[in-house]
Amino acid sequence: MESTRNRLIELLETSNDQFVSGQSLSEKLNISRSAIWKHMKELEKDGYQIEGVSRKGYRIVNSPDKVSVNTIQWGLKTDWLGKKVIHKSSTTSTQQIAHQAANEGAEHGTVIIADEQTKGKGRMERQWYSTKNKGIWMSIILRPNLPPVMASQLTLLSATVLADAITEHTDLNPRIKWPNDILISHRKTAGILTELQAEQDQITYVVIGIGINVNHAAGDFQKDINNKATSLCLESGVRWKIRDLIQHILLTYEKRYDSFMKNGFPEVKHKWENYGYRIGEQIKIRTLHKEWEAKFLGIAEDGALLTETSEDGIKKLYSGEIEWFTKGGEQV
């Protein structure tokens, strides 16, 4: 049923606003004209405006702003990413659904989207507040032919995708805080969580979790993050169509991922460093066992953080927490 409806939407979308006859749709989908009519009624329930004219056929006049499987796939111009979409009005975590789907054989490029997460999470099991209908709460299932050691490069790739999509869609100026936060005006706007299942030398699947604060007002954030978080709406003064931004991200992601799989990490490294937050400044680094200060040089050819101290010279860091200082010594 879902694949038939997706194909129906695709046929109407490629008609360039021209009417498509019921007979033509019936023949191409191999279903009755009565079944076509029933599908149209279901699309109308989803918020589509459909014009049906006797002896001319059907056309979609307008698609709804709401997020659903139909609206995400209507007009989505990707080749493989988002051809399968799982949508939930509310769920604990899209990551959780993605892992379950991946273990059950979900195809490469499957996208899970929720209007709300009740137990969204970020790195190091931190909670991610996912306000209903205010942001993008999404997970992408990928099955790359890569060794597990390269999974962290997908996090950096994902960060550049979000930075590009936000820049192009909103004209805002995002920066990337290593390794996975998108900042605007020094406040967190989006985050990325990469999780994977792998054998010793081969990734089975990767789940890329993406959370973006889109239409939040100042009062929508919890008190403990109110001075650290922002949204695209707060920064631009514009209320954005979440569905349109999702499509922009998916199209950009597919292009960048295909390029990465063909050309490797150098393009990602170059783009990441163009967006890199406070490269060249002094940072404070914290791992499980120690803390120290170093100069932030950028990222290495494999995606590791590059730092430099007078005692140790240039070193690579693959995990840890980093913080910055203002000239007055205030921690940021």
Protein backbone atom coordinates (compact mmCIF):
# COMPACT_ATOMS: atom_id res chain seq x y z
CA MET A 1 0.00 0.00 0.00
CA GLU A 2 2.74 2.46 0.99
CA SER A 3 4.85 1.76 -2.10
CA THR A 4 1.78 2.22 -4.35
CA ARG A 5 1.02 5.57 -2.76
CA ASN A 6 4.64 6.67 -3.06
CA ARG A 7 4.61 5.73 -6.74
CA LEU A 8 1.33 7.62 -7.17
CA ILE A 9 2.85 10.75 -5.63
CA GLU A 10 5.90 10.36 -7.86
CA LEU A 11 3.75 10.13 -11.00
CA LEU A 12 1.82 13.25 -10.06
CA GLU A 13 4.99 15.12 -9.08
CA THR A 14 6.70 14.42 -12.40
CA SER A 15 3.67 15.65 -14.35
CA ASN A 16 4.79 19.27 -13.82
CA ASP A 17 1.37 20.38 -12.48
CA GLN A 18 -0.43 18.90 -15.48
CA PHE A 19 -3.44 16.65 -14.99
CA VAL A 20 -2.82 12.89 -15.10
CA SER A 21 -5.82 10.82 -16.14
CA GLY A 22 -7.25 8.22 -13.83
CA GLN A 23 -6.93 5.66 -16.62
CA SER A 24 -3.23 6.40 -17.06
CA LEU A 25 -2.60 6.11 -13.30
CA SER A 26 -4.61 2.90 -13.19
CA GLU A 27 -2.54 1.31 -15.97
CA LYS A 28 0.83 2.42 -14.60
CA LEU A 29 0.07 1.31 -11.03
CA ASN A 30 -1.88 -1.78 -12.05
CA ILE A 31 -4.79 -0.94 -9.75
CA SER A 32 -8.42 0.02 -10.41
CA ARG A 33 -9.61 3.58 -10.93
CA SER A 34 -11.67 3.12 -7.77
CA ALA A 35 -8.45 2.35 -5.88
CA ILE A 36 -6.87 5.48 -7.34
CA TRP A 37 -9.76 7.54 -6.00
CA LYS A 38 -9.36 5.97 -2.54
CA HIS A 39 -5.65 6.83 -2.52
CA MET A 40 -6.50 10.42 -3.40
CA LYS A 41 -8.87 10.61 -0.43
CA GLU A 42 -6.14 9.30 1.88
CA LEU A 43 -3.74 11.94 0.59
CA GLU A 44 -6.36 14.61 1.26
CA LYS A 45 -6.62 13.37 4.86
CA ASP A 46 -2.86 13.92 5.09
CA GLY A 47 -3.36 17.56 4.08
CA TYR A 48 -2.77 17.44 0.33
CA GLN A 49 -4.89 19.67 -1.88
CA ILE A 50 -5.88 17.56 -4.86
CA GLU A 51 -7.78 18.77 -7.89
CA GLY A 52 -9.82 16.18 -9.75
CA VAL A 53 -11.52 17.14 -13.02
CA SER A 54 -13.73 14.87 -15.09
CA ARG A 55 -12.09 13.73 -18.35
CA LYS A 56 -8.81 15.39 -17.32
CA GLY A 57 -7.71 13.49 -14.22
CA TYR A 58 -5.89 14.52 -11.06
CA ARG A 59 -3.14 16.85 -9.99
CA ILE A 60 -1.71 17.91 -6.62
CA VAL A 61 -2.22 21.63 -6.15
CA ASN A 62 -0.43 21.98 -2.83
CA SER A 63 1.29 19.75 -0.30
CA PRO A 64 0.87 20.25 3.45
CA ASP A 65 3.47 21.78 5.76
CA LYS A 66 3.13 18.86 8.20
CA VAL A 67 5.76 16.14 8.34
CA SER A 68 4.67 12.68 7.21
CA VAL A 69 5.93 9.89 4.99
CA ASN A 70 3.95 11.32 2.07
CA THR A 71 5.02 14.95 2.51
CA ILE A 72 8.70 14.10 2.95
CA GLN A 73 8.77 11.98 -0.19
CA TRP A 74 6.62 14.38 -2.24
CA GLY A 75 9.16 16.30 -4.33
CA LEU A 76 12.21 14.65 -2.73
CA LYS A 77 14.80 14.51 -5.51
CA THR A 78 17.20 11.96 -4.04
CA ASP A 79 18.16 8.70 -5.74
CA TRP A 80 18.39 6.46 -2.66
CA LEU A 81 18.24 8.47 0.56
CA GLY A 82 14.72 8.65 2.00
CA LYS A 83 13.12 6.22 -0.44
CA LYS A 84 12.03 4.42 2.73
CA VAL A 85 10.76 6.71 5.51
CA ILE A 86 9.45 5.77 8.95
CA HIS A 87 7.52 8.60 10.61
CA LYS A 88 6.31 8.75 14.22
CA SER A 89 4.27 11.54 15.78
CA SER A 90 5.96 10.72 19.10
CA THR A 91 8.63 8.23 20.10
CA THR A 92 11.26 7.72 22.75
CA SER A 93 14.15 8.11 20.28
CA THR A 94 14.53 7.85 16.52
CA GLN A 95 17.88 6.16 17.21
CA GLN A 96 16.11 3.35 19.01
CA ILE A 97 13.71 2.80 16.11
CA ALA A 98 16.58 2.98 13.62
CA HIS A 99 18.58 0.28 15.41
CA GLN A 100 15.55 -2.00 15.51
CA ALA A 101 14.81 -1.39 11.84
CA ALA A 102 18.46 -1.91 10.84
CA ASN A 103 18.62 -5.20 12.72
CA GLU A 104 15.47 -6.28 10.89
CA GLY A 105 17.11 -5.57 7.53
CA ALA A 106 16.10 -1.97 6.77
CA GLU A 107 17.72 -0.82 3.55
CA HIS A 108 20.57 1.63 3.15
CA GLY A 109 19.19 5.17 3.18
CA THR A 110 16.18 4.48 5.39
CA VAL A 111 15.14 7.63 7.28
CA ILE A 112 13.35 7.74 10.64
CA ILE A 113 11.68 11.02 11.62
CA ALA A 114 9.61 11.98 14.66
CA ASP A 115 7.59 15.06 15.51
CA GLU A 116 8.67 14.57 19.12
CA GLN A 117 11.17 12.50 21.12
CA THR A 118 10.48 11.82 24.77
CA LYS A 119 13.95 10.39 25.48
CA GLY A 120 16.18 11.95 22.84
CA LYS A 121 19.88 11.64 23.54
CA GLY A 122 23.17 13.16 22.52
CA ARG A 123 26.79 12.14 23.03
CA MET A 124 27.81 10.56 26.34
CA GLU A 125 24.15 9.74 27.09
CA ARG A 126 23.24 13.39 27.57
CA GLN A 127 19.56 14.21 27.17
CA TRP A 128 18.45 15.99 23.99
CA TYR A 129 15.25 18.00 24.39
CA SER A 130 13.05 17.40 21.33
CA THR A 131 10.08 19.76 21.48
CA LYS A 132 7.04 18.60 19.49
CA ASN A 133 6.80 20.09 15.98
CA LYS A 134 9.57 22.61 16.69
CA GLY A 135 12.59 20.84 15.26
CA ILE A 136 14.01 18.04 13.14
CA TRP A 137 14.49 14.79 15.06
CA MET A 138 15.83 12.32 12.52
CA SER A 139 17.99 9.22 12.14
CA ILE A 140 19.52 7.87 8.94
CA ILE A 141 20.51 4.22 8.42
CA LEU A 142 23.63 3.75 6.29
CA ARG A 143 25.37 0.55 5.23
CA PRO A 144 28.77 1.76 3.99
CA ASN A 145 31.49 -0.61 2.84
CA LEU A 146 33.96 0.80 5.38
CA PRO A 147 35.99 -0.44 8.36
CA PRO A 148 34.66 0.60 11.80
CA VAL A 149 37.64 2.92 12.38
CA MET A 150 36.28 5.23 9.66
CA ALA A 151 32.84 5.67 11.26
CA SER A 152 33.92 8.87 13.00
CA GLN A 153 34.51 10.43 9.58
CA LEU A 154 30.79 10.03 8.91
CA THR A 155 30.12 12.22 11.96
CA LEU A 156 32.33 14.96 10.52
CA LEU A 157 30.74 14.51 7.10
CA SER A 158 27.28 14.86 8.67
CA ALA A 159 28.31 18.06 10.42
CA THR A 160 29.40 19.63 7.12
CA VAL A 161 26.10 18.57 5.53
CA LEU A 162 24.10 20.33 8.24
CA ALA A 163 26.30 23.42 8.05
CA ASP A 164 25.91 23.57 4.27
CA ALA A 165 22.15 22.99 4.33
CA ILE A 166 21.58 25.61 7.05
CA THR A 167 23.75 28.14 5.21
CA GLU A 168 21.97 27.58 1.89
CA HIS A 169 18.47 27.38 3.36
CA THR A 170 18.58 30.25 5.85
CA ASP A 171 21.60 32.47 5.01
CA LEU A 172 22.73 32.08 8.63
CA ASN A 173 26.39 31.49 9.50
CA PRO A 174 26.78 28.16 11.32
CA ARG A 175 30.06 26.91 12.75
CA ILE A 176 31.07 23.36 13.68
CA LYS A 177 32.34 22.64 17.19
CA TRP A 178 34.42 19.47 17.16
CA PRO A 179 33.23 16.90 16.51
CA ASN A 180 29.46 17.09 16.23
CA ASP A 181 27.79 20.35 17.32
CA ILE A 182 26.47 23.08 15.04
CA LEU A 183 26.66 26.53 16.63
CA ILE A 184 25.14 29.83 15.58
CA SER A 185 26.13 32.95 17.52
CA HIS A 186 28.15 30.66 19.83
CA ARG A 187 25.03 28.72 20.85
CA LYS A 188 24.13 25.14 20.00
CA THR A 189 21.58 24.76 17.22
CA ALA A 190 22.09 21.16 16.14
CA GLY A 191 23.86 17.99 17.18
CA ILE A 192 24.84 14.67 15.64
CA LEU A 193 25.03 11.23 17.27
CA THR A 194 26.74 8.41 15.37
CA GLU A 195 26.17 4.82 16.49
CA LEU A 196 27.08 1.61 14.70
CA GLN A 197 26.99 -2.16 14.59
CA ALA A 198 30.12 -3.75 13.18
CA GLU A 199 32.21 -6.86 12.76
CA GLN A 200 35.95 -6.69 13.40
CA ASP A 201 36.82 -5.24 9.99
CA GLN A 202 33.47 -4.25 8.46
CA ILE A 203 30.61 -1.93 9.42
CA THR A 204 27.26 -3.72 9.43
CA TYR A 205 25.31 -0.49 9.64
CA VAL A 206 25.63 3.06 10.94
CA VAL A 207 22.84 5.18 12.44
CA ILE A 208 23.35 8.93 12.10
CA GLY A 209 21.14 10.78 14.57
CA ILE A 210 20.40 14.43 13.77
CA GLY A 211 18.68 16.95 16.03
CA ILE A 212 18.06 20.53 14.89
CA ASN A 213 16.32 23.31 16.79
CA VAL A 214 14.27 24.93 14.03
CA ASN A 215 11.28 26.95 15.25
CA HIS A 216 11.93 27.15 18.98
CA ALA A 217 11.15 30.36 20.83
CA ALA A 218 13.31 31.31 23.81
CA GLY A 219 10.75 29.88 26.23
CA ASP A 220 10.81 26.45 24.57
CA PHE A 221 14.21 25.52 26.01
CA GLN A 222 14.76 23.96 29.42
CA LYS A 223 16.27 26.33 32.00
CA ASP A 224 19.52 24.39 32.20
CA ILE A 225 20.28 24.97 28.49
CA ASN A 226 18.46 28.26 27.86
CA ASN A 227 21.70 30.27 27.71
CA LYS A 228 23.50 27.62 25.64
CA ALA A 229 20.93 26.78 22.96
CA THR A 230 19.32 28.64 20.08
CA SER A 231 17.20 27.87 17.02
CA LEU A 232 17.10 28.83 13.36
CA CYS A 233 13.97 30.86 14.06
CA LEU A 234 15.53 32.77 16.96
CA GLU A 235 18.60 33.59 14.89
CA SER A 236 16.82 34.54 11.67
CA GLY A 237 13.45 35.87 12.84
CA VAL A 238 11.82 33.52 10.32
CA ARG A 239 9.57 30.53 11.00
CA TRP A 240 10.84 27.77 8.72
CA LYS A 241 8.95 24.92 7.02
CA ILE A 242 10.42 21.83 8.66
CA ARG A 243 9.48 19.56 5.76
CA ASP A 244 11.36 21.74 3.25
CA LEU A 245 14.48 21.81 5.41
CA ILE A 246 14.39 18.02 5.82
CA GLN A 247 14.31 17.61 2.05
CA HIS A 248 17.20 20.07 1.64
CA ILE A 249 19.27 18.13 4.19
CA LEU A 250 18.54 14.74 2.62
CA LEU A 251 19.43 15.92 -0.88
CA THR A 252 22.66 17.51 0.37
CA TYR A 253 23.50 14.45 2.45
CA GLU A 254 23.14 12.08 -0.48
CA LYS A 255 25.45 14.19 -2.68
CA ARG A 256 28.12 14.57 0.02
CA TYR A 257 27.97 10.91 1.06
CA ASP A 258 28.33 9.68 -2.53
CA SER A 259 31.30 12.03 -3.00
CA PHE A 260 32.88 10.82 0.26
CA MET A 261 32.53 7.16 -0.74
CA LYS A 262 34.10 7.92 -4.13
CA ASN A 263 36.78 10.46 -3.23
CA GLY A 264 37.55 9.81 0.44
CA PHE A 265 37.95 12.22 3.35
CA PRO A 266 40.02 15.15 1.96
CA GLU A 267 36.96 17.07 0.65
CA VAL A 268 35.21 16.62 4.01
CA LYS A 269 38.31 17.78 5.91
CA HIS A 270 38.59 20.93 3.81
CA LYS A 271 34.91 21.80 4.20
CA TRP A 272 34.92 20.98 7.93
CA GLU A 273 37.86 23.30 8.59
CA ASN A 274 36.11 26.09 6.67
CA TYR A 275 33.28 25.82 9.20
CA GLY A 276 35.54 24.93 12.17
CA TYR A 277 34.79 26.82 15.38
CA ARG A 278 37.75 28.75 16.81
CA ILE A 279 40.53 26.99 14.95
CA GLY A 280 43.86 28.50 15.98
CA GLU A 281 42.73 29.29 19.53
CA GLN A 282 43.68 27.86 22.88
CA ILE A 283 41.35 25.09 24.12
CA LYS A 284 40.87 23.09 27.27
CA ILE A 285 40.71 19.32 26.71
CA ARG A 286 39.15 16.87 29.13
CA THR A 287 39.26 13.08 28.89
CA LEU A 288 38.28 10.45 31.43
CA HIS A 289 41.64 10.62 33.20
CA LYS A 290 43.18 14.05 32.62
CA GLU A 291 42.77 17.70 31.61
CA TRP A 292 45.17 19.95 29.72
CA GLU A 293 45.37 23.01 27.50
CA ALA A 294 46.54 23.15 23.88
CA LYS A 295 46.24 25.11 20.67
CA PHE A 296 43.50 23.86 18.31
CA LEU A 297 45.05 23.39 14.85
CA GLY A 298 42.17 21.75 12.96
CA ILE A 299 41.54 18.13 12.04
CA ALA A 300 43.91 15.47 10.72
CA GLU A 301 43.66 13.46 7.50
CA ASP A 302 41.72 10.78 9.39
CA GLY A 303 39.39 13.24 11.21
CA ALA A 304 41.17 13.34 14.57
CA LEU A 305 41.45 16.65 16.43
CA LEU A 306 44.88 18.23 15.97
CA THR A 307 46.36 20.07 18.95
CA GLU A 308 49.73 21.54 19.81
CA THR A 309 51.55 22.26 23.06
CA SER A 310 55.08 23.48 23.69
CA GLU A 311 55.83 20.32 25.67
CA ASP A 312 54.33 17.62 23.42
CA GLY A 313 54.26 19.26 20.00
CA ILE A 314 51.43 18.29 17.63
CA LYS A 315 49.16 15.49 18.83
CA LYS A 316 45.98 13.77 17.64
CA LEU A 317 42.87 13.38 19.80
CA TYR A 318 40.15 10.90 18.87
CA SER A 319 37.74 11.43 21.76
CA GLY A 320 37.20 13.85 24.60
CA GLU A 321 35.48 17.08 25.58
CA ILE A 322 36.85 20.45 24.53
CA GLU A 323 36.17 23.96 25.80
CA TRP A 324 37.41 27.42 24.86
CA PHE A 325 38.53 30.52 26.74
CA THR A 326 37.94 34.16 25.98
CA LYS A 327 40.82 36.60 26.27
CA GLY A 328 39.71 37.35 29.80
CA GLY A 329 39.97 33.71 30.74
CA GLU A 330 36.23 33.04 30.85
CA GLN A 331 35.40 29.46 29.89
CA VAL A 332 33.12 28.99 26.86
